[in-house]
């Protein structure tokens, strides 16, 4: 048995090196020092030696929020919303003490709200993964929590009524250009709002997608020098109907203010508020063209939709409609992935697969077995 030197306080001191770090252990006898060493080795083996027993969930969650890089404003807001809901449930608990059962209890507080539960579980999983990476804890307790059974509402293309309304609605030239680019090129909202005259190639008649307008939390905006992802960099052919519209519209713009879509009064980039007002005007015009009814609210004195013929119509509906048109035209999935700016082909395949399911009919299946010789196939009878 090892012998240890006695300290001035009467205890004996030993040292042990674990994973390159030296630990000091103490005892009044050699045997006690050895037991302390063995306890440290056991703790290192099962991982408990490295666990942070002090940091609370709230402390770590708030720190995690501050170190997340390059996130879209909507994503940041979603995480903030989720953390604010989780802090009353788990905030004061040491992060190392939280078990899968605690995660499930937190989710149960939102029974009947599957989308909320999904976002909370996603957020907690990322918070705990970051804690694992920083060696605060050994395992992510979310890994053993069942996934939330949530099915997102299926995205839809434009209805026939909406398509006609797009063509006939009374819109000013910027509004007409905006929805036409969405309709004919399938751009994301931020990509469209960031377009400048420099992004329109009038020789080849292509739209070069290079930037995105991003709304900050306070509603202001800025141009990000890339689309949503690296795959968003792309050149999209401009169809003849859009070419006619842009030929007129581009002549009204100047290099001094080259952006296609700006605030009416100031000429500055759209804020969240001015963008909302623009799309509200477009929706009113589309609803009227679709046969709906608009009215002036007697309290706010603002025009609003009274009878809605374009329910659920958003900017993204135009994008999904573009994908639907690509599929109907037989555009290969890899080409569609490029045109849509999808980072993963799986995203494009998901859309194409959904559309393929919707096109299955009796005529399609009957055509596979359109063989008159089958009409006389023998049937064994008892």
Protein backbone atom coordinates (compact mmCIF):
# COMPACT_ATOMS: atom_id res chain seq x y z
CA UNK A 1 0.00 0.00 0.00
CA UNK A 2 1.25 3.47 -0.90
CA UNK A 3 2.50 5.75 1.86
CA UNK A 4 1.48 9.43 1.85
CA UNK A 5 3.08 12.44 3.47
CA UNK A 6 1.26 14.07 6.35
CA UNK A 7 0.24 17.71 6.01
CA UNK A 8 0.43 20.37 8.69
CA UNK A 9 -3.30 19.93 9.42
CA UNK A 10 -2.72 16.24 10.22
CA UNK A 11 -4.27 14.85 7.05
CA UNK A 12 -2.40 12.84 4.45
CA UNK A 13 -2.44 14.01 0.81
CA UNK A 14 -2.33 11.96 -2.37
CA UNK A 15 -2.61 12.88 -6.04
CA UNK A 16 -4.10 11.09 -9.01
CA UNK A 17 -4.05 12.03 -12.69
CA UNK A 18 -7.23 11.39 -14.71
CA UNK A 19 -7.56 12.40 -18.38
CA UNK A 20 -4.53 14.66 -18.06
CA UNK A 21 -5.88 16.52 -15.03
CA UNK A 22 -4.31 16.14 -11.56
CA UNK A 23 -6.66 15.71 -8.59
CA UNK A 24 -5.71 16.01 -4.90
CA UNK A 25 -7.30 13.70 -2.33
CA UNK A 26 -7.03 13.72 1.47
CA UNK A 27 -7.47 11.39 4.42
CA UNK A 28 -6.18 10.77 7.94
CA UNK A 29 -4.85 7.34 6.97
CA UNK A 30 -3.23 5.86 3.88
CA UNK A 31 -6.26 3.60 3.45
CA UNK A 32 -8.62 6.60 3.46
CA UNK A 33 -6.55 8.36 0.81
CA UNK A 34 -6.64 5.22 -1.35
CA UNK A 35 -10.42 5.00 -0.96
CA UNK A 36 -10.71 8.62 -2.15
CA UNK A 37 -8.60 7.74 -5.19
CA UNK A 38 -10.77 4.73 -5.98
CA UNK A 39 -13.91 6.88 -5.64
CA UNK A 40 -12.50 9.40 -8.12
CA UNK A 41 -11.62 6.65 -10.61
CA UNK A 42 -15.14 5.21 -10.31
CA UNK A 43 -16.67 8.66 -10.84
CA UNK A 44 -14.50 9.15 -13.91
CA UNK A 45 -15.60 5.78 -15.24
CA UNK A 46 -19.35 6.45 -14.89
CA UNK A 47 -19.00 10.11 -15.91
CA UNK A 48 -20.27 11.66 -12.70
CA UNK A 49 -16.87 13.24 -12.08
CA UNK A 50 -17.49 15.71 -14.90
CA UNK A 51 -21.11 16.67 -14.19
CA UNK A 52 -21.96 20.28 -13.40
CA UNK A 53 -24.26 20.21 -10.38
CA UNK A 54 -24.61 23.99 -10.10
CA UNK A 55 -25.74 25.48 -13.43
CA UNK A 56 -29.53 25.71 -13.66
CA UNK A 57 -31.63 25.12 -16.73
CA UNK A 58 -32.52 28.81 -16.91
CA UNK A 59 -28.89 29.92 -16.72
CA UNK A 60 -27.79 27.52 -19.41
CA UNK A 61 -30.80 28.14 -21.68
CA UNK A 62 -30.21 31.89 -21.64
CA UNK A 63 -26.51 31.42 -22.32
CA UNK A 64 -27.33 29.00 -25.15
CA UNK A 65 -29.62 31.60 -26.72
CA UNK A 66 -26.79 34.11 -26.78
CA UNK A 67 -24.30 31.90 -28.62
CA UNK A 68 -26.50 30.59 -31.46
CA UNK A 69 -24.90 31.89 -34.71
CA UNK A 70 -26.47 33.00 -38.01
CA UNK A 71 -30.10 32.29 -37.25
CA UNK A 72 -33.04 33.80 -39.10
CA UNK A 73 -35.10 36.25 -37.04
CA UNK A 74 -38.11 33.94 -37.09
CA UNK A 75 -35.99 31.09 -35.71
CA UNK A 76 -34.55 33.28 -32.95
CA UNK A 77 -38.07 34.38 -31.99
CA UNK A 78 -39.26 30.77 -31.93
CA UNK A 79 -36.46 29.73 -29.55
CA UNK A 80 -37.06 32.76 -27.31
CA UNK A 81 -40.76 31.92 -27.17
CA UNK A 82 -39.98 28.29 -26.27
CA UNK A 83 -37.42 29.18 -23.59
CA UNK A 84 -39.89 31.60 -21.99
CA UNK A 85 -42.39 28.75 -21.71
CA UNK A 86 -39.80 26.31 -20.35
CA UNK A 87 -38.26 28.50 -17.65
CA UNK A 88 -41.33 28.38 -15.34
CA UNK A 89 -41.32 24.57 -15.70
CA UNK A 90 -37.60 23.74 -15.41
CA UNK A 91 -35.73 27.00 -14.86
CA UNK A 92 -34.57 26.57 -11.25
CA UNK A 93 -33.51 22.93 -11.64
CA UNK A 94 -29.79 22.09 -12.00
CA UNK A 95 -29.43 21.03 -15.60
CA UNK A 96 -27.63 17.83 -14.54
CA UNK A 97 -30.60 16.73 -12.43
CA UNK A 98 -33.20 16.88 -15.21
CA UNK A 99 -34.35 13.42 -16.29
CA UNK A 100 -36.43 12.19 -19.27
CA UNK A 101 -39.45 12.01 -16.97
CA UNK A 102 -39.03 15.72 -16.16
CA UNK A 103 -38.97 16.51 -19.88
CA UNK A 104 -42.17 14.55 -20.40
CA UNK A 105 -43.89 16.29 -17.48
CA UNK A 106 -42.96 19.67 -18.99
CA UNK A 107 -44.44 18.60 -22.33
CA UNK A 108 -47.59 17.29 -20.64
CA UNK A 109 -48.29 20.83 -19.47
CA UNK A 110 -49.21 21.52 -23.11
CA UNK A 111 -51.33 18.46 -23.83
CA UNK A 112 -53.59 19.07 -26.79
CA UNK A 113 -51.12 21.46 -28.40
CA UNK A 114 -48.91 19.13 -30.42
CA UNK A 115 -47.12 21.84 -32.39
CA UNK A 116 -46.17 23.65 -29.17
CA UNK A 117 -44.93 20.38 -27.68
CA UNK A 118 -42.87 19.70 -30.80
CA UNK A 119 -41.18 23.11 -30.64
CA UNK A 120 -40.51 22.77 -26.90
CA UNK A 121 -38.96 19.31 -27.34
CA UNK A 122 -36.83 20.52 -30.25
CA UNK A 123 -35.63 23.49 -28.20
CA UNK A 124 -34.86 21.40 -25.10
CA UNK A 125 -33.00 18.84 -27.19
CA UNK A 126 -30.74 21.53 -28.64
CA UNK A 127 -30.18 23.10 -25.21
CA UNK A 128 -29.16 19.76 -23.69
CA UNK A 129 -27.02 18.83 -26.71
CA UNK A 130 -25.07 22.04 -26.21
CA UNK A 131 -24.68 21.13 -22.50
CA UNK A 132 -23.30 17.72 -23.50
CA UNK A 133 -20.87 19.34 -25.92
CA UNK A 134 -19.65 21.67 -23.16
CA UNK A 135 -19.35 18.69 -20.78
CA UNK A 136 -21.88 20.02 -18.28
CA UNK A 137 -23.79 16.74 -18.54
CA UNK A 138 -23.12 13.30 -19.98
CA UNK A 139 -26.32 12.52 -21.85
CA UNK A 140 -29.19 14.38 -23.46
CA UNK A 141 -32.34 13.43 -21.49
CA UNK A 142 -34.48 14.29 -24.53
CA UNK A 143 -33.04 11.30 -26.40
CA UNK A 144 -35.26 8.98 -24.36
CA UNK A 145 -38.44 11.06 -24.67
CA UNK A 146 -40.93 9.84 -27.31
CA UNK A 147 -41.26 12.09 -30.35
CA UNK A 148 -44.31 14.33 -30.46
CA UNK A 149 -46.93 13.08 -32.89
CA UNK A 150 -47.55 16.18 -34.94
CA UNK A 151 -48.37 16.42 -38.61
CA UNK A 152 -47.97 19.82 -40.17
CA UNK A 153 -50.86 21.08 -42.31
CA UNK A 154 -50.27 20.22 -45.95
CA UNK A 155 -49.13 23.14 -48.06
CA UNK A 156 -51.32 23.92 -51.00
CA UNK A 157 -50.95 25.54 -54.41
CA UNK A 158 -53.20 28.33 -55.64
CA UNK A 159 -56.81 27.43 -56.32
CA UNK A 160 -58.23 28.04 -59.81
CA UNK A 161 -60.13 31.03 -58.43
CA UNK A 162 -56.93 32.46 -56.94
CA UNK A 163 -55.01 31.95 -60.20
CA UNK A 164 -57.63 33.97 -62.08
CA UNK A 165 -57.56 36.62 -59.37
CA UNK A 166 -53.78 36.96 -59.71
CA UNK A 167 -54.26 37.82 -63.38
CA UNK A 168 -57.21 40.21 -62.98
CA UNK A 169 -56.71 41.94 -59.61
CA UNK A 170 -56.38 45.72 -59.66
CA UNK A 171 -52.83 46.27 -58.40
CA UNK A 172 -50.33 49.07 -58.80
CA UNK A 173 -47.16 48.30 -60.72
CA UNK A 174 -44.90 47.41 -57.74
CA UNK A 175 -47.60 45.15 -56.28
CA UNK A 176 -48.16 43.52 -59.67
CA UNK A 177 -44.40 42.95 -60.05
CA UNK A 178 -44.15 41.48 -56.55
CA UNK A 179 -46.84 38.82 -56.84
CA UNK A 180 -45.82 38.07 -60.44
CA UNK A 181 -42.25 37.25 -59.38
CA UNK A 182 -43.64 35.01 -56.65
CA UNK A 183 -46.01 33.38 -59.14
CA UNK A 184 -43.67 32.90 -62.09
CA UNK A 185 -40.37 32.28 -60.25
CA UNK A 186 -41.27 30.80 -56.85
CA UNK A 187 -38.93 33.01 -54.81
CA UNK A 188 -39.03 33.11 -51.04
CA UNK A 189 -40.41 36.30 -49.52
CA UNK A 190 -37.02 37.57 -48.35
CA UNK A 191 -35.38 36.77 -51.69
CA UNK A 192 -38.03 38.72 -53.57
CA UNK A 193 -37.92 41.75 -51.25
CA UNK A 194 -34.12 41.95 -51.64
CA UNK A 195 -34.12 42.09 -55.45
CA UNK A 196 -32.47 45.04 -57.16
CA UNK A 197 -32.14 46.02 -60.81
CA UNK A 198 -28.68 44.43 -60.73
CA UNK A 199 -30.25 41.02 -60.11
CA UNK A 200 -32.32 41.10 -63.30
CA UNK A 201 -30.34 39.98 -66.36
CA UNK A 202 -32.26 41.62 -69.22
CA UNK A 203 -30.04 40.02 -71.87
CA UNK A 204 -30.72 36.45 -70.80
CA UNK A 205 -33.93 37.32 -68.93
CA UNK A 206 -32.94 35.58 -65.74
CA UNK A 207 -33.39 36.51 -62.07
CA UNK A 208 -30.15 36.01 -60.15
CA UNK A 209 -30.96 35.24 -56.52
CA UNK A 210 -28.08 36.40 -54.32
CA UNK A 211 -29.51 38.15 -51.27
CA UNK A 212 -32.38 38.10 -48.80
CA UNK A 213 -34.18 40.79 -46.84
CA UNK A 214 -34.30 39.88 -43.15
CA UNK A 215 -36.62 41.42 -40.58
CA UNK A 216 -35.07 42.11 -37.20
CA UNK A 217 -36.90 41.52 -33.96
CA UNK A 218 -37.80 45.24 -33.74
CA UNK A 219 -39.36 45.17 -37.21
CA UNK A 220 -36.53 46.92 -39.04
CA UNK A 221 -34.74 45.13 -41.86
CA UNK A 222 -31.40 44.61 -43.55
CA UNK A 223 -30.03 42.89 -46.66
CA UNK A 224 -28.20 39.66 -45.95
CA UNK A 225 -25.60 38.90 -48.60
CA UNK A 226 -26.88 35.39 -49.22
CA UNK A 227 -30.27 33.67 -49.51
CA UNK A 228 -31.66 31.32 -46.86
CA UNK A 229 -28.92 28.75 -47.55
CA UNK A 230 -26.00 28.38 -49.95
CA UNK A 231 -28.31 26.39 -52.24
CA UNK A 232 -30.41 29.54 -52.57
CA UNK A 233 -27.88 31.09 -54.95
CA UNK A 234 -29.47 30.42 -58.34
CA UNK A 235 -30.54 31.88 -61.67
CA UNK A 236 -34.20 31.47 -62.58
CA UNK A 237 -35.59 31.89 -66.11
CA UNK A 238 -38.15 34.69 -66.48
CA UNK A 239 -41.22 33.44 -68.41
CA UNK A 240 -42.70 35.70 -71.14
CA UNK A 241 -45.66 37.01 -69.05
CA UNK A 242 -43.30 38.18 -66.31
CA UNK A 243 -40.90 39.60 -68.88
CA UNK A 244 -43.65 41.96 -70.08
CA UNK A 245 -44.35 43.17 -66.55
CA UNK A 246 -40.70 43.66 -65.61
CA UNK A 247 -39.88 45.42 -68.88
CA UNK A 248 -42.30 48.15 -67.88
CA UNK A 249 -41.50 48.18 -64.17
CA UNK A 250 -37.71 48.26 -64.44
CA UNK A 251 -37.93 51.42 -66.56
CA UNK A 252 -39.48 53.21 -63.57
CA UNK A 253 -36.50 52.44 -61.31
CA UNK A 254 -33.19 54.26 -61.03
CA UNK A 255 -29.69 53.23 -60.03
CA UNK A 256 -29.91 55.74 -57.19
CA UNK A 257 -32.55 53.51 -55.60
CA UNK A 258 -32.13 50.17 -57.34
CA UNK A 259 -34.27 47.95 -55.12
CA UNK A 260 -37.45 46.68 -56.75
CA UNK A 261 -39.61 46.75 -53.63
CA UNK A 262 -39.42 49.64 -51.20
CA UNK A 263 -41.73 51.69 -48.99
CA UNK A 264 -44.08 53.92 -50.96
CA UNK A 265 -43.37 57.18 -49.12
CA UNK A 266 -39.68 56.92 -48.20
CA UNK A 267 -38.23 54.65 -50.87
CA UNK A 268 -36.41 52.73 -48.15
CA UNK A 269 -36.29 48.98 -47.74
CA UNK A 270 -39.46 47.46 -46.39
CA UNK A 271 -39.83 47.10 -42.64
CA UNK A 272 -42.01 44.37 -41.20
CA UNK A 273 -44.79 46.92 -40.79
CA UNK A 274 -44.65 48.33 -44.34
CA UNK A 275 -44.39 44.83 -45.81
CA UNK A 276 -47.48 43.77 -43.85
CA UNK A 277 -49.38 46.78 -45.17
CA UNK A 278 -48.31 46.03 -48.76
CA UNK A 279 -49.40 42.39 -48.59
CA UNK A 280 -52.67 43.45 -46.92
CA UNK A 281 -53.42 45.68 -49.92
CA UNK A 282 -52.57 42.83 -52.29
CA UNK A 283 -54.84 40.43 -50.39
CA UNK A 284 -57.73 42.88 -50.53
CA UNK A 285 -57.30 43.26 -54.29
CA UNK A 286 -57.02 39.50 -54.81
CA UNK A 287 -60.06 38.83 -52.65
CA UNK A 288 -62.15 41.32 -54.62
CA UNK A 289 -61.00 39.80 -57.90
CA UNK A 290 -61.87 36.33 -56.58
CA UNK A 291 -65.45 37.40 -55.84
CA UNK A 292 -65.01 38.08 -52.15
CA UNK A 293 -66.29 41.07 -50.22
CA UNK A 294 -64.18 43.77 -48.58
CA UNK A 295 -65.44 46.43 -46.19
CA UNK A 296 -64.29 49.40 -44.11
CA UNK A 297 -64.05 48.50 -40.42
CA UNK A 298 -66.32 50.94 -38.54
CA UNK A 299 -63.91 51.08 -35.58
CA UNK A 300 -60.46 51.19 -37.18
CA UNK A 301 -61.70 52.74 -40.46
CA UNK A 302 -59.38 50.40 -42.33
CA UNK A 303 -60.36 48.20 -45.23
CA UNK A 304 -60.59 44.52 -44.36
CA UNK A 305 -61.85 41.26 -45.81
CA UNK A 306 -65.48 40.52 -44.92
CA UNK A 307 -66.18 37.49 -47.13
CA UNK A 308 -62.93 35.64 -47.76
CA UNK A 309 -62.41 33.86 -51.09
CA UNK A 310 -58.64 33.48 -50.65
CA UNK A 311 -58.51 31.93 -47.18
CA UNK A 312 -55.03 30.67 -46.29
CA UNK A 313 -53.31 32.44 -49.19
CA UNK A 314 -49.76 33.49 -48.23
CA UNK A 315 -46.56 34.37 -50.05
CA UNK A 316 -45.46 30.77 -49.56
CA UNK A 317 -48.60 29.54 -51.36
CA UNK A 318 -47.16 31.07 -54.54
CA UNK A 319 -43.90 29.18 -53.95
CA UNK A 320 -45.70 25.88 -53.50
CA UNK A 321 -47.73 26.63 -56.61
CA UNK A 322 -44.48 27.14 -58.54
CA UNK A 323 -43.24 23.74 -57.35
CA UNK A 324 -46.55 22.22 -58.43
CA UNK A 325 -46.20 23.74 -61.89
CA UNK A 326 -42.64 22.38 -62.20
CA UNK A 327 -43.91 18.91 -61.31
CA UNK A 328 -46.81 19.13 -63.76
CA UNK A 329 -44.40 20.19 -66.52
CA UNK A 330 -42.22 17.12 -65.88
CA UNK A 331 -39.21 19.09 -64.62
CA UNK A 332 -36.74 16.54 -63.14
CA UNK A 333 -36.50 16.62 -59.37
CA UNK A 334 -32.83 17.72 -59.35
CA UNK A 335 -33.64 20.64 -61.64
CA UNK A 336 -36.60 21.55 -59.45
CA UNK A 337 -34.34 21.42 -56.39
CA UNK A 338 -32.04 23.98 -58.04
CA UNK A 339 -34.86 26.28 -59.16
CA UNK A 340 -36.47 26.22 -55.72
CA UNK A 341 -33.16 26.69 -53.92
CA UNK A 342 -33.67 23.67 -51.67
CA UNK A 343 -30.58 22.67 -49.71
CA UNK A 344 -31.64 19.02 -49.69
CA UNK A 345 -33.21 17.12 -52.56
CA UNK A 346 -35.31 15.37 -49.90
CA UNK A 347 -37.30 18.58 -49.49
CA UNK A 348 -38.08 18.64 -53.21
CA UNK A 349 -38.82 14.91 -53.27
CA UNK A 350 -41.29 15.36 -50.42
CA UNK A 351 -43.26 17.86 -52.51
CA UNK A 352 -43.07 15.73 -55.66
CA UNK A 353 -44.10 12.59 -53.78
CA UNK A 354 -47.11 14.36 -52.28
CA UNK A 355 -48.14 15.61 -55.73
CA UNK A 356 -47.68 12.15 -57.23
CA UNK A 357 -50.04 10.69 -54.62
CA UNK A 358 -52.64 13.24 -55.55
CA UNK A 359 -52.48 12.33 -59.23
CA UNK A 360 -53.30 8.64 -58.73
CA UNK A 361 -56.62 7.79 -60.32
CA UNK A 362 -58.65 4.84 -61.65
CA UNK A 363 -57.66 5.75 -65.21
CA UNK A 364 -53.96 5.60 -64.33
CA UNK A 365 -54.23 2.14 -62.73
CA UNK A 366 -56.68 0.83 -65.33
CA UNK A 367 -54.24 1.85 -68.04
CA UNK A 368 -51.54 -0.37 -66.56
CA UNK A 369 -53.78 -3.42 -67.00
CA UNK A 370 -55.39 -2.38 -70.27
CA UNK A 371 -55.09 -5.83 -71.82
CA UNK A 372 -58.21 -7.27 -73.47
CA UNK A 373 -56.85 -10.79 -73.05
CA UNK A 374 -57.47 -10.39 -69.32
CA UNK A 375 -61.20 -10.16 -69.99
CA UNK A 376 -61.32 -13.87 -70.67
CA UNK A 377 -59.03 -14.93 -67.84
CA UNK A 378 -60.26 -18.11 -66.27
CA UNK A 379 -61.87 -17.91 -62.88
CA UNK A 380 -61.93 -21.08 -60.84
CA UNK A 381 -65.34 -21.71 -59.30
CA UNK A 382 -66.26 -24.21 -56.69
